[in-house]
Amino acid sequence: MANECWYNRCSYNYIWYLQPKITYGAEVWYIPPHISPGKTKWTGSLTALHKLQKIQRIAVLAIARAMRSTPSDTLHVQVGILPMELILKKLCQRSVLRLSLLPNTNPAAYLVQDAQQYPDKYRTFATSIHIHYCLFPINPYKVEKIPPIAPRHNGNVKVEITRDQYKAVDIEDTDLLEWRVYMDGLKKNNILGAAAVLYKG
């Protein structure tokens, strides 16, 4: 029971904290390994995949507390984590599906439709969008679009920007709005950070 709780907690931390960091932007820079028509060799981001597999194996070994000679397939089953090649493939397929959901008013919708209609048009200088649509043949014309919805409010919105903390407190005392949003920003070591909090009443 203790080992099961350990697996669940560590797997949760890996999936929700570490995995998004090492696969950030995979829809742009990663191409799933595949064999192009008329060729016999595998093409794609093989080098990047092997490096990420090494990183994931270190994490899975630590979670499972197993010996270094344990096969990776057994470790993935034990801790409940997908292999890295399936994780990256899932991210790319999800990106293709999300691009197919864009309405025609979105500027990227034209690129998506062009990549799906003319897959051989950019054979020499193909982008990740064209390659992913060749690997995951999702027709954007057969996918239900999600129209953009404008936010609705009653117009009772008041915006105050203050540089002084005490002045913001004075404004809060005299403010009678039902909803309040507090935002703050910080810049340190050329890194920007921001936070927002929503209050009612």
N, C-alpha and C. Protein backbone atom coordinates (compact mmCIF):
# COMPACT_ATOMS: atom_id res chain seq x y z
N MET A 1 0.82 -1.21 0.00
CA MET A 1 0.00 0.00 0.00
C MET A 1 0.86 1.26 0.00
N ALA A 2 1.93 1.20 0.79
CA ALA A 2 2.83 2.37 0.85
C ALA A 2 3.51 2.58 -0.49
N ASN A 3 3.93 1.46 -1.13
CA ASN A 3 4.57 1.60 -2.44
C ASN A 3 3.60 2.14 -3.47
N GLU A 4 2.34 1.73 -3.41
CA GLU A 4 1.34 2.22 -4.35
C GLU A 4 1.13 3.72 -4.19
N CYS A 5 1.06 4.20 -2.96
CA CYS A 5 0.92 5.64 -2.72
C CYS A 5 2.14 6.39 -3.22
N TRP A 6 3.32 5.79 -3.03
CA TRP A 6 4.55 6.41 -3.52
C TRP A 6 4.53 6.53 -5.04
N TYR A 7 4.13 5.46 -5.73
CA TYR A 7 4.05 5.48 -7.19
C TYR A 7 3.07 6.55 -7.67
N ASN A 8 1.90 6.59 -7.05
CA ASN A 8 0.88 7.54 -7.48
C ASN A 8 1.35 8.98 -7.28
N ARG A 9 1.95 9.26 -6.14
CA ARG A 9 2.38 10.63 -5.87
C ARG A 9 3.52 11.05 -6.80
N CYS A 10 4.50 10.19 -6.99
CA CYS A 10 5.63 10.53 -7.85
C CYS A 10 5.20 10.60 -9.32
N SER A 11 4.34 9.69 -9.75
CA SER A 11 3.86 9.72 -11.14
C SER A 11 3.07 10.99 -11.40
N TYR A 12 2.26 11.38 -10.42
CA TYR A 12 1.49 12.62 -10.56
C TYR A 12 2.43 13.81 -10.70
N ASN A 13 3.46 13.90 -9.89
CA ASN A 13 4.40 15.02 -9.97
C ASN A 13 5.14 15.02 -11.30
N TYR A 14 5.49 13.84 -11.79
CA TYR A 14 6.20 13.78 -13.07
C TYR A 14 5.30 14.21 -14.22
N ILE A 15 4.06 13.70 -14.24
CA ILE A 15 3.16 13.97 -15.36
C ILE A 15 2.76 15.44 -15.40
N TRP A 16 2.53 16.06 -14.25
CA TRP A 16 1.97 17.40 -14.22
C TRP A 16 3.02 18.49 -14.05
N TYR A 17 4.24 18.17 -13.66
CA TYR A 17 5.24 19.20 -13.42
C TYR A 17 6.46 19.04 -14.32
N LEU A 18 7.05 17.86 -14.36
CA LEU A 18 8.28 17.68 -15.13
C LEU A 18 8.02 17.44 -16.61
N GLN A 19 7.03 16.61 -16.90
CA GLN A 19 6.77 16.27 -18.30
C GLN A 19 6.41 17.48 -19.16
N PRO A 20 5.57 18.42 -18.71
CA PRO A 20 5.31 19.61 -19.56
C PRO A 20 6.55 20.46 -19.80
N LYS A 21 7.52 20.42 -18.90
CA LYS A 21 8.72 21.23 -19.08
C LYS A 21 9.64 20.64 -20.14
N ILE A 22 9.81 19.33 -20.14
CA ILE A 22 10.72 18.73 -21.10
C ILE A 22 10.08 18.54 -22.47
N THR A 23 8.76 18.63 -22.56
CA THR A 23 8.08 18.52 -23.86
C THR A 23 7.48 19.86 -24.31
N TYR A 24 7.95 20.95 -23.73
CA TYR A 24 7.36 22.26 -24.05
C TYR A 24 7.60 22.61 -25.52
N GLY A 25 6.53 22.97 -26.22
CA GLY A 25 6.64 23.35 -27.63
C GLY A 25 6.94 22.19 -28.55
N ALA A 26 6.63 20.96 -28.14
CA ALA A 26 6.93 19.80 -28.99
C ALA A 26 6.16 19.84 -30.30
N GLU A 27 5.02 20.52 -30.34
CA GLU A 27 4.24 20.63 -31.57
C GLU A 27 5.01 21.36 -32.66
N VAL A 28 6.01 22.15 -32.27
CA VAL A 28 6.76 22.96 -33.24
C VAL A 28 8.06 22.26 -33.64
N TRP A 29 8.81 21.78 -32.67
CA TRP A 29 10.14 21.27 -32.97
C TRP A 29 10.22 19.76 -33.12
N TYR A 30 9.17 19.03 -32.78
CA TYR A 30 9.24 17.57 -32.83
C TYR A 30 8.45 17.02 -34.01
N ILE A 31 9.08 16.07 -34.71
CA ILE A 31 8.42 15.36 -35.80
C ILE A 31 8.46 13.87 -35.46
N PRO A 32 7.33 13.21 -35.30
CA PRO A 32 7.34 11.79 -34.93
C PRO A 32 8.10 10.96 -35.96
N PRO A 33 8.90 10.00 -35.51
CA PRO A 33 9.62 9.14 -36.46
C PRO A 33 8.65 8.40 -37.38
N HIS A 34 8.98 8.40 -38.66
CA HIS A 34 8.12 7.75 -39.65
C HIS A 34 8.97 7.41 -40.87
N ILE A 35 8.41 6.60 -41.73
CA ILE A 35 9.05 6.23 -43.00
C ILE A 35 8.29 6.92 -44.12
N SER A 36 8.96 7.80 -44.83
CA SER A 36 8.32 8.53 -45.91
C SER A 36 8.01 7.59 -47.07
N PRO A 37 6.96 7.91 -47.85
CA PRO A 37 6.62 7.06 -49.00
C PRO A 37 7.78 6.97 -49.99
N GLY A 38 8.10 5.77 -50.41
CA GLY A 38 9.17 5.55 -51.37
C GLY A 38 10.55 5.44 -50.75
N LYS A 39 10.65 5.48 -49.41
CA LYS A 39 11.93 5.39 -48.73
C LYS A 39 11.91 4.24 -47.74
N THR A 40 13.08 3.85 -47.29
CA THR A 40 13.21 2.72 -46.37
C THR A 40 13.75 3.13 -45.01
N LYS A 41 14.29 4.32 -44.87
CA LYS A 41 14.87 4.76 -43.61
C LYS A 41 13.87 5.59 -42.81
N TRP A 42 14.02 5.51 -41.51
CA TRP A 42 13.18 6.30 -40.62
C TRP A 42 13.66 7.74 -40.62
N THR A 43 12.71 8.67 -40.63
CA THR A 43 13.02 10.10 -40.55
C THR A 43 12.22 10.71 -39.42
N GLY A 44 12.67 11.86 -38.98
CA GLY A 44 12.00 12.55 -37.88
C GLY A 44 13.01 12.98 -36.84
N SER A 45 12.50 13.37 -35.68
CA SER A 45 13.35 13.87 -34.59
C SER A 45 13.84 12.69 -33.75
N LEU A 46 14.68 11.86 -34.36
CA LEU A 46 15.16 10.66 -33.67
C LEU A 46 16.15 11.01 -32.57
N THR A 47 17.04 11.97 -32.83
CA THR A 47 18.04 12.34 -31.82
C THR A 47 17.38 12.94 -30.59
N ALA A 48 16.43 13.85 -30.81
CA ALA A 48 15.73 14.45 -29.67
C ALA A 48 14.93 13.41 -28.90
N LEU A 49 14.34 12.44 -29.61
CA LEU A 49 13.56 11.40 -28.94
C LEU A 49 14.46 10.54 -28.05
N HIS A 50 15.64 10.17 -28.54
CA HIS A 50 16.54 9.34 -27.74
C HIS A 50 17.01 10.07 -26.48
N LYS A 51 17.27 11.37 -26.60
CA LYS A 51 17.70 12.13 -25.43
C LYS A 51 16.59 12.25 -24.40
N LEU A 52 15.38 12.48 -24.86
CA LEU A 52 14.26 12.57 -23.93
C LEU A 52 13.94 11.22 -23.30
N GLN A 53 14.15 10.16 -24.04
CA GLN A 53 13.93 8.83 -23.47
C GLN A 53 14.92 8.56 -22.34
N LYS A 54 16.16 9.02 -22.48
CA LYS A 54 17.15 8.85 -21.40
C LYS A 54 16.73 9.62 -20.15
N ILE A 55 16.20 10.85 -20.37
CA ILE A 55 15.77 11.66 -19.23
C ILE A 55 14.59 10.98 -18.52
N GLN A 56 13.65 10.48 -19.30
CA GLN A 56 12.48 9.85 -18.69
C GLN A 56 12.87 8.55 -17.99
N ARG A 57 13.84 7.84 -18.52
CA ARG A 57 14.25 6.59 -17.86
C ARG A 57 14.85 6.87 -16.49
N ILE A 58 15.61 7.96 -16.38
CA ILE A 58 16.17 8.33 -15.07
C ILE A 58 15.04 8.60 -14.07
N ALA A 59 14.02 9.34 -14.53
CA ALA A 59 12.90 9.67 -13.65
C ALA A 59 12.11 8.41 -13.28
N VAL A 60 11.87 7.54 -14.24
CA VAL A 60 11.08 6.33 -13.98
C VAL A 60 11.84 5.38 -13.05
N LEU A 61 13.15 5.28 -13.21
CA LEU A 61 13.94 4.45 -12.30
C LEU A 61 13.86 4.97 -10.87
N ALA A 62 13.89 6.30 -10.71
CA ALA A 62 13.80 6.88 -9.38
C ALA A 62 12.42 6.65 -8.77
N ILE A 63 11.37 6.73 -9.59
CA ILE A 63 10.02 6.53 -9.06
C ILE A 63 9.80 5.08 -8.65
N ALA A 64 10.24 4.16 -9.51
CA ALA A 64 10.02 2.73 -9.24
C ALA A 64 11.01 2.15 -8.25
N ARG A 65 12.09 2.88 -7.97
CA ARG A 65 13.14 2.37 -7.07
C ARG A 65 13.65 1.02 -7.55
N ALA A 66 13.88 0.94 -8.85
CA ALA A 66 14.27 -0.33 -9.46
C ALA A 66 15.76 -0.30 -9.79
N MET A 67 16.26 -1.47 -10.18
CA MET A 67 17.65 -1.58 -10.59
C MET A 67 17.84 -0.98 -11.98
N ARG A 68 19.06 -0.62 -12.28
CA ARG A 68 19.34 0.03 -13.55
C ARG A 68 19.17 -0.91 -14.73
N SER A 69 19.19 -2.20 -14.49
CA SER A 69 19.05 -3.16 -15.58
C SER A 69 17.60 -3.50 -15.90
N THR A 70 16.66 -2.89 -15.19
CA THR A 70 15.24 -3.17 -15.43
C THR A 70 14.82 -2.63 -16.79
N PRO A 71 14.10 -3.40 -17.62
CA PRO A 71 13.66 -2.89 -18.93
C PRO A 71 12.73 -1.69 -18.79
N SER A 72 12.82 -0.79 -19.75
CA SER A 72 12.02 0.44 -19.70
C SER A 72 10.54 0.15 -19.81
N ASP A 73 10.15 -0.84 -20.64
CA ASP A 73 8.73 -1.17 -20.80
C ASP A 73 8.12 -1.61 -19.46
N THR A 74 8.87 -2.39 -18.71
CA THR A 74 8.37 -2.83 -17.41
C THR A 74 8.24 -1.66 -16.44
N LEU A 75 9.18 -0.74 -16.49
CA LEU A 75 9.11 0.42 -15.61
C LEU A 75 7.91 1.30 -15.92
N HIS A 76 7.64 1.51 -17.20
CA HIS A 76 6.50 2.35 -17.59
C HIS A 76 5.18 1.74 -17.11
N VAL A 77 5.07 0.43 -17.22
CA VAL A 77 3.85 -0.23 -16.75
C VAL A 77 3.74 -0.14 -15.23
N GLN A 78 4.86 -0.28 -14.56
CA GLN A 78 4.85 -0.28 -13.10
C GLN A 78 4.41 1.06 -12.52
N VAL A 79 4.91 2.16 -13.09
CA VAL A 79 4.61 3.48 -12.54
C VAL A 79 3.44 4.16 -13.24
N GLY A 80 2.94 3.57 -14.33
CA GLY A 80 1.78 4.14 -15.01
C GLY A 80 2.07 5.37 -15.83
N ILE A 81 3.21 5.39 -16.52
CA ILE A 81 3.59 6.53 -17.36
C ILE A 81 3.79 6.03 -18.79
N LEU A 82 3.28 6.77 -19.76
CA LEU A 82 3.44 6.38 -21.16
C LEU A 82 4.89 6.51 -21.58
N PRO A 83 5.34 5.70 -22.54
CA PRO A 83 6.67 5.90 -23.10
C PRO A 83 6.78 7.27 -23.78
N MET A 84 8.00 7.78 -23.87
CA MET A 84 8.20 9.13 -24.37
C MET A 84 7.73 9.28 -25.81
N GLU A 85 7.93 8.25 -26.66
CA GLU A 85 7.51 8.39 -28.05
C GLU A 85 6.00 8.52 -28.16
N LEU A 86 5.25 7.85 -27.27
CA LEU A 86 3.79 7.98 -27.30
C LEU A 86 3.33 9.32 -26.73
N ILE A 87 4.05 9.83 -25.74
CA ILE A 87 3.71 11.14 -25.17
C ILE A 87 3.86 12.23 -26.22
N LEU A 88 4.98 12.23 -26.94
CA LEU A 88 5.21 13.25 -27.96
C LEU A 88 4.25 13.09 -29.13
N LYS A 89 3.96 11.86 -29.50
CA LYS A 89 3.00 11.63 -30.58
C LYS A 89 1.60 12.11 -30.19
N LYS A 90 1.24 11.91 -28.95
CA LYS A 90 -0.05 12.37 -28.45
C LYS A 90 -0.13 13.90 -28.49
N LEU A 91 0.96 14.58 -28.12
CA LEU A 91 0.96 16.04 -28.14
C LEU A 91 0.81 16.57 -29.57
N CYS A 92 1.50 15.95 -30.51
CA CYS A 92 1.40 16.40 -31.90
C CYS A 92 0.01 16.16 -32.48
N GLN A 93 -0.57 15.02 -32.17
CA GLN A 93 -1.93 14.74 -32.65
C GLN A 93 -2.95 15.68 -32.03
N ARG A 94 -2.77 16.00 -30.76
CA ARG A 94 -3.67 16.94 -30.12
C ARG A 94 -3.54 18.33 -30.73
N SER A 95 -2.30 18.72 -31.12
CA SER A 95 -2.10 20.00 -31.76
C SER A 95 -2.82 20.06 -33.11
N VAL A 96 -2.75 18.97 -33.88
CA VAL A 96 -3.44 18.92 -35.17
C VAL A 96 -4.94 19.04 -34.98
N LEU A 97 -5.48 18.37 -33.98
CA LEU A 97 -6.92 18.44 -33.73
C LEU A 97 -7.34 19.84 -33.30
N ARG A 98 -6.54 20.49 -32.47
CA ARG A 98 -6.88 21.84 -32.04
C ARG A 98 -6.81 22.83 -33.20
N LEU A 99 -5.84 22.66 -34.09
CA LEU A 99 -5.78 23.54 -35.26
C LEU A 99 -6.97 23.31 -36.17
N SER A 100 -7.46 22.08 -36.23
CA SER A 100 -8.63 21.80 -37.07
C SER A 100 -9.90 22.40 -36.49
N LEU A 101 -9.92 22.71 -35.20
CA LEU A 101 -11.10 23.31 -34.56
C LEU A 101 -11.20 24.81 -34.79
N LEU A 102 -10.15 25.43 -35.36
CA LEU A 102 -10.15 26.88 -35.52
C LEU A 102 -11.20 27.30 -36.54
N PRO A 103 -11.93 28.38 -36.28
CA PRO A 103 -12.89 28.88 -37.28
C PRO A 103 -12.16 29.56 -38.43
N ASN A 104 -12.88 29.82 -39.50
CA ASN A 104 -12.26 30.42 -40.69
C ASN A 104 -11.79 31.85 -40.45
N THR A 105 -12.27 32.48 -39.40
CA THR A 105 -11.82 33.85 -39.10
C THR A 105 -10.43 33.88 -38.49
N ASN A 106 -9.93 32.74 -38.06
CA ASN A 106 -8.59 32.69 -37.48
C ASN A 106 -7.55 32.66 -38.59
N PRO A 107 -6.46 33.46 -38.49
CA PRO A 107 -5.46 33.48 -39.56
C PRO A 107 -4.78 32.14 -39.79
N ALA A 108 -4.68 31.31 -38.76
CA ALA A 108 -4.03 30.01 -38.93
C ALA A 108 -4.91 28.99 -39.63
N ALA A 109 -6.21 29.28 -39.78
CA ALA A 109 -7.10 28.32 -40.42
C ALA A 109 -6.73 28.11 -41.88
N TYR A 110 -6.25 29.17 -42.55
CA TYR A 110 -5.86 29.02 -43.96
C TYR A 110 -4.67 28.08 -44.10
N LEU A 111 -3.69 28.18 -43.20
CA LEU A 111 -2.53 27.28 -43.25
C LEU A 111 -2.95 25.84 -43.02
N VAL A 112 -3.89 25.64 -42.12
CA VAL A 112 -4.36 24.28 -41.83
C VAL A 112 -5.07 23.69 -43.04
N GLN A 113 -5.97 24.45 -43.66
CA GLN A 113 -6.70 23.96 -44.82
C GLN A 113 -5.77 23.72 -46.00
N ASP A 114 -4.76 24.59 -46.16
CA ASP A 114 -3.81 24.43 -47.24
C ASP A 114 -2.96 23.18 -47.04
N ALA A 115 -2.56 22.92 -45.81
CA ALA A 115 -1.75 21.74 -45.52
C ALA A 115 -2.54 20.45 -45.71
N GLN A 116 -3.83 20.50 -45.46
CA GLN A 116 -4.64 19.29 -45.60
C GLN A 116 -5.01 19.04 -47.06
N GLN A 117 -5.25 20.10 -47.84
CA GLN A 117 -5.65 19.94 -49.22
C GLN A 117 -4.49 19.61 -50.14
N TYR A 118 -3.35 20.24 -49.88
CA TYR A 118 -2.19 20.08 -50.76
C TYR A 118 -1.00 19.57 -49.94
N PRO A 119 -0.98 18.29 -49.60
CA PRO A 119 0.11 17.77 -48.76
C PRO A 119 1.47 17.77 -49.47
N ASP A 120 1.49 17.72 -50.81
CA ASP A 120 2.75 17.68 -51.54
C ASP A 120 3.22 19.05 -51.99
N LYS A 121 2.50 20.09 -51.62
CA LYS A 121 2.85 21.44 -52.08
C LYS A 121 4.15 21.90 -51.46
N TYR A 122 4.40 21.55 -50.22
CA TYR A 122 5.59 22.00 -49.52
C TYR A 122 6.49 20.81 -49.19
N ARG A 123 6.73 19.98 -50.19
CA ARG A 123 7.54 18.80 -49.96
C ARG A 123 8.99 19.16 -49.64
N THR A 124 9.51 20.23 -50.28
CA THR A 124 10.91 20.61 -50.08
C THR A 124 11.11 21.32 -48.76
N PHE A 125 10.30 22.34 -48.49
CA PHE A 125 10.43 23.12 -47.27
C PHE A 125 9.13 22.99 -46.47
N ALA A 126 8.91 21.81 -45.97
CA ALA A 126 7.68 21.54 -45.23
C ALA A 126 7.81 22.04 -43.79
N THR A 127 6.75 22.63 -43.29
CA THR A 127 6.71 23.05 -41.90
C THR A 127 6.16 21.91 -41.03
N SER A 128 6.21 22.12 -39.73
CA SER A 128 5.70 21.08 -38.83
C SER A 128 4.20 20.87 -39.03
N ILE A 129 3.47 21.92 -39.40
CA ILE A 129 2.03 21.76 -39.64
C ILE A 129 1.77 20.81 -40.79
N HIS A 130 2.50 20.98 -41.90
CA HIS A 130 2.29 20.12 -43.06
C HIS A 130 2.68 18.67 -42.76
N ILE A 131 3.79 18.48 -42.05
CA ILE A 131 4.23 17.12 -41.74
C ILE A 131 3.25 16.44 -40.79
N HIS A 132 2.76 17.17 -39.80
CA HIS A 132 1.82 16.58 -38.85
C HIS A 132 0.50 16.23 -39.52
N TYR A 133 0.06 17.04 -40.48
CA TYR A 133 -1.19 16.72 -41.17
C TYR A 133 -1.01 15.53 -42.11
N CYS A 134 0.21 15.28 -42.56
CA CYS A 134 0.44 14.07 -43.34
C CYS A 134 0.46 12.82 -42.45
N LEU A 135 0.98 12.98 -41.23
CA LEU A 135 1.05 11.84 -40.31
C LEU A 135 -0.28 11.58 -39.62
N PHE A 136 -1.03 12.63 -39.35
CA PHE A 136 -2.33 12.50 -38.68
C PHE A 136 -3.40 13.08 -39.61
N PRO A 137 -3.93 12.30 -40.52
CA PRO A 137 -4.88 12.84 -41.52
C PRO A 137 -6.23 13.18 -40.91
N ILE A 138 -6.31 14.37 -40.35
CA ILE A 138 -7.57 14.88 -39.80
C ILE A 138 -8.08 15.96 -40.75
N ASN A 139 -9.27 15.77 -41.24
CA ASN A 139 -9.86 16.72 -42.19
C ASN A 139 -10.49 17.88 -41.42
N PRO A 140 -9.96 19.11 -41.55
CA PRO A 140 -10.55 20.23 -40.81
C PRO A 140 -11.96 20.58 -41.26
N TYR A 141 -12.35 20.16 -42.48
CA TYR A 141 -13.69 20.45 -42.96
C TYR A 141 -14.75 19.55 -42.33
N LYS A 142 -14.31 18.44 -41.74
CA LYS A 142 -15.25 17.51 -41.12
C LYS A 142 -15.24 17.60 -39.60
N VAL A 143 -14.56 18.59 -39.07
CA VAL A 143 -14.49 18.79 -37.63
C VAL A 143 -15.36 19.99 -37.26
N GLU A 144 -16.16 19.82 -36.23
CA GLU A 144 -17.03 20.90 -35.79
C GLU A 144 -16.20 22.06 -35.24
N LYS A 145 -16.47 23.25 -35.73
CA LYS A 145 -15.73 24.43 -35.33
C LYS A 145 -16.25 24.98 -34.01
N ILE A 146 -15.37 25.62 -33.29
CA ILE A 146 -15.73 26.26 -32.03
C ILE A 146 -15.69 27.77 -32.26
N PRO A 147 -16.83 28.42 -32.39
CA PRO A 147 -16.82 29.87 -32.66
C PRO A 147 -16.37 30.64 -31.43
N PRO A 148 -15.68 31.75 -31.65
CA PRO A 148 -15.27 32.58 -30.50
C PRO A 148 -16.48 33.24 -29.86
N ILE A 149 -16.51 33.27 -28.55
CA ILE A 149 -17.61 33.85 -27.80
C ILE A 149 -17.10 35.09 -27.08
N ALA A 150 -17.74 36.21 -27.34
CA ALA A 150 -17.33 37.45 -26.69
C ALA A 150 -17.80 37.46 -25.24
N PRO A 151 -16.98 37.92 -24.34
CA PRO A 151 -17.41 37.98 -22.93
C PRO A 151 -18.54 38.97 -22.74
N ARG A 152 -19.46 38.61 -21.87
CA ARG A 152 -20.62 39.45 -21.59
C ARG A 152 -20.53 40.00 -20.18
N HIS A 153 -20.82 41.27 -20.05
CA HIS A 153 -20.88 41.90 -18.73
C HIS A 153 -21.87 43.05 -18.80
N ASN A 154 -22.24 43.54 -17.67
CA ASN A 154 -23.26 44.58 -17.61
C ASN A 154 -22.69 45.98 -17.78
N GLY A 155 -21.42 46.10 -18.06
CA GLY A 155 -20.83 47.42 -18.27
C GLY A 155 -20.35 48.10 -17.01
N ASN A 156 -20.62 47.52 -15.85
CA ASN A 156 -20.22 48.13 -14.59
C ASN A 156 -18.78 47.69 -14.25
N VAL A 157 -17.84 48.16 -15.06
CA VAL A 157 -16.43 47.79 -14.91
C VAL A 157 -15.63 49.06 -14.63
N LYS A 158 -14.81 48.99 -13.63
CA LYS A 158 -13.98 50.12 -13.25
C LYS A 158 -12.54 49.66 -13.13
N VAL A 159 -11.65 50.38 -13.79
CA VAL A 159 -10.24 50.01 -13.82
C VAL A 159 -9.43 51.10 -13.13
N GLU A 160 -8.64 50.71 -12.17
CA GLU A 160 -7.77 51.64 -11.46
C GLU A 160 -6.36 51.05 -11.43
N ILE A 161 -5.39 51.83 -11.88
CA ILE A 161 -4.00 51.41 -11.87
C ILE A 161 -3.24 52.33 -10.91
N THR A 162 -2.72 51.77 -9.85
CA THR A 162 -2.01 52.54 -8.84
C THR A 162 -0.63 51.96 -8.64
N ARG A 163 0.31 52.84 -8.34
CA ARG A 163 1.67 52.41 -8.04
C ARG A 163 1.93 52.35 -6.54
N ASP A 164 0.98 52.82 -5.78
CA ASP A 164 1.15 52.85 -4.34
C ASP A 164 0.20 51.86 -3.69
N GLN A 165 0.70 51.07 -2.79
CA GLN A 165 -0.11 50.05 -2.11
C GLN A 165 -1.20 50.68 -1.25
N TYR A 166 -0.87 51.76 -0.57
CA TYR A 166 -1.84 52.39 0.33
C TYR A 166 -2.96 53.07 -0.44
N LYS A 167 -2.64 53.61 -1.60
CA LYS A 167 -3.69 54.21 -2.41
C LYS A 167 -4.66 53.16 -2.92
N ALA A 168 -4.15 51.98 -3.23
CA ALA A 168 -5.03 50.89 -3.68
C ALA A 168 -5.97 50.47 -2.56
N VAL A 169 -5.50 50.49 -1.32
CA VAL A 169 -6.36 50.14 -0.19
C VAL A 169 -7.45 51.19 -0.01
N ASP A 170 -7.13 52.47 -0.20
CA ASP A 170 -8.14 53.53 -0.10
C ASP A 170 -9.21 53.37 -1.16
N ILE A 171 -8.81 53.02 -2.37
CA ILE A 171 -9.79 52.81 -3.44
C ILE A 171 -10.68 51.62 -3.12
N GLU A 172 -10.12 50.60 -2.52
CA GLU A 172 -10.90 49.41 -2.17
C GLU A 172 -11.97 49.74 -1.14
N ASP A 173 -11.68 50.64 -0.22
CA ASP A 173 -12.66 50.98 0.82
C ASP A 173 -13.86 51.69 0.24
N THR A 174 -13.66 52.47 -0.81
CA THR A 174 -14.77 53.23 -1.40
C THR A 174 -15.40 52.54 -2.61
N ASP A 175 -14.90 51.37 -2.98
CA ASP A 175 -15.39 50.68 -4.16
C ASP A 175 -16.57 49.79 -3.78
N LEU A 176 -17.65 49.87 -4.58
CA LEU A 176 -18.86 49.11 -4.29
C LEU A 176 -19.14 48.05 -5.35
N LEU A 177 -18.15 47.70 -6.16
CA LEU A 177 -18.36 46.69 -7.19
C LEU A 177 -18.51 45.31 -6.56
N GLU A 178 -19.30 44.46 -7.24
CA GLU A 178 -19.53 43.12 -6.71
C GLU A 178 -18.31 42.22 -6.91
N TRP A 179 -17.67 42.33 -8.06
CA TRP A 179 -16.51 41.51 -8.37
C TRP A 179 -15.26 42.39 -8.40
N ARG A 180 -14.17 41.85 -7.93
CA ARG A 180 -12.91 42.59 -7.93
C ARG A 180 -11.79 41.68 -8.41
N VAL A 181 -10.92 42.24 -9.23
CA VAL A 181 -9.75 41.52 -9.74
C VAL A 181 -8.51 42.32 -9.36
N TYR A 182 -7.60 41.67 -8.67
CA TYR A 182 -6.34 42.30 -8.27
C TYR A 182 -5.21 41.67 -9.08
N MET A 183 -4.39 42.52 -9.70
CA MET A 183 -3.28 42.04 -10.52
C MET A 183 -2.01 42.74 -10.09
N ASP A 184 -0.92 42.04 -10.25
CA ASP A 184 0.39 42.59 -9.90
C ASP A 184 1.42 41.96 -10.80
N GLY A 185 2.49 42.70 -11.07
CA GLY A 185 3.57 42.21 -11.91
C GLY A 185 4.92 42.49 -11.28
N LEU A 186 5.91 41.73 -11.69
CA LEU A 186 7.25 41.86 -11.13
C LEU A 186 8.26 41.46 -12.19
N LYS A 187 9.35 42.22 -12.23
CA LYS A 187 10.45 41.91 -13.14
C LYS A 187 11.72 41.78 -12.33
N LYS A 188 12.37 40.62 -12.47
CA LYS A 188 13.60 40.36 -11.75
C LYS A 188 14.49 39.47 -12.60
N ASN A 189 15.73 39.88 -12.76
CA ASN A 189 16.71 39.13 -13.56
C ASN A 189 16.18 38.89 -14.98
N ASN A 190 15.59 39.96 -15.56
CA ASN A 190 15.05 39.90 -16.92
C ASN A 190 13.97 38.83 -17.09
N ILE A 191 13.29 38.49 -16.00
CA ILE A 191 12.19 37.53 -16.04
C ILE A 191 10.93 38.22 -15.53
N LEU A 192 9.86 38.13 -16.30
CA LEU A 192 8.61 38.76 -15.93
C LEU A 192 7.71 37.75 -15.22
N GLY A 193 7.01 38.25 -14.24
CA GLY A 193 6.04 37.43 -13.52
C GLY A 193 4.78 38.22 -13.24
N ALA A 194 3.67 37.55 -13.23
CA ALA A 194 2.39 38.23 -13.02
C ALA A 194 1.46 37.32 -12.23
N ALA A 195 0.53 37.95 -11.51
CA ALA A 195 -0.45 37.20 -10.73
C ALA A 195 -1.76 37.96 -10.75
N ALA A 196 -2.86 37.22 -10.66
CA ALA A 196 -4.19 37.82 -10.63
C ALA A 196 -5.07 37.01 -9.68
N VAL A 197 -5.89 37.75 -8.90
CA VAL A 197 -6.78 37.12 -7.95
C VAL A 197 -8.18 37.72 -8.12
N LEU A 198 -9.20 36.86 -8.13
CA LEU A 198 -10.58 37.28 -8.33
C LEU A 198 -11.34 37.12 -7.00
N TYR A 199 -12.00 38.21 -6.60
CA TYR A 199 -12.80 38.21 -5.37
C TYR A 199 -14.23 38.60 -5.70
N LYS A 200 -15.16 38.05 -4.93
CA LYS A 200 -16.55 38.43 -5.03
C LYS A 200 -16.99 39.05 -3.71
N GLY A 201 -17.56 40.24 -3.80
CA GLY A 201 -18.03 40.92 -2.61
C GLY A 201 -16.91 41.65 -1.88
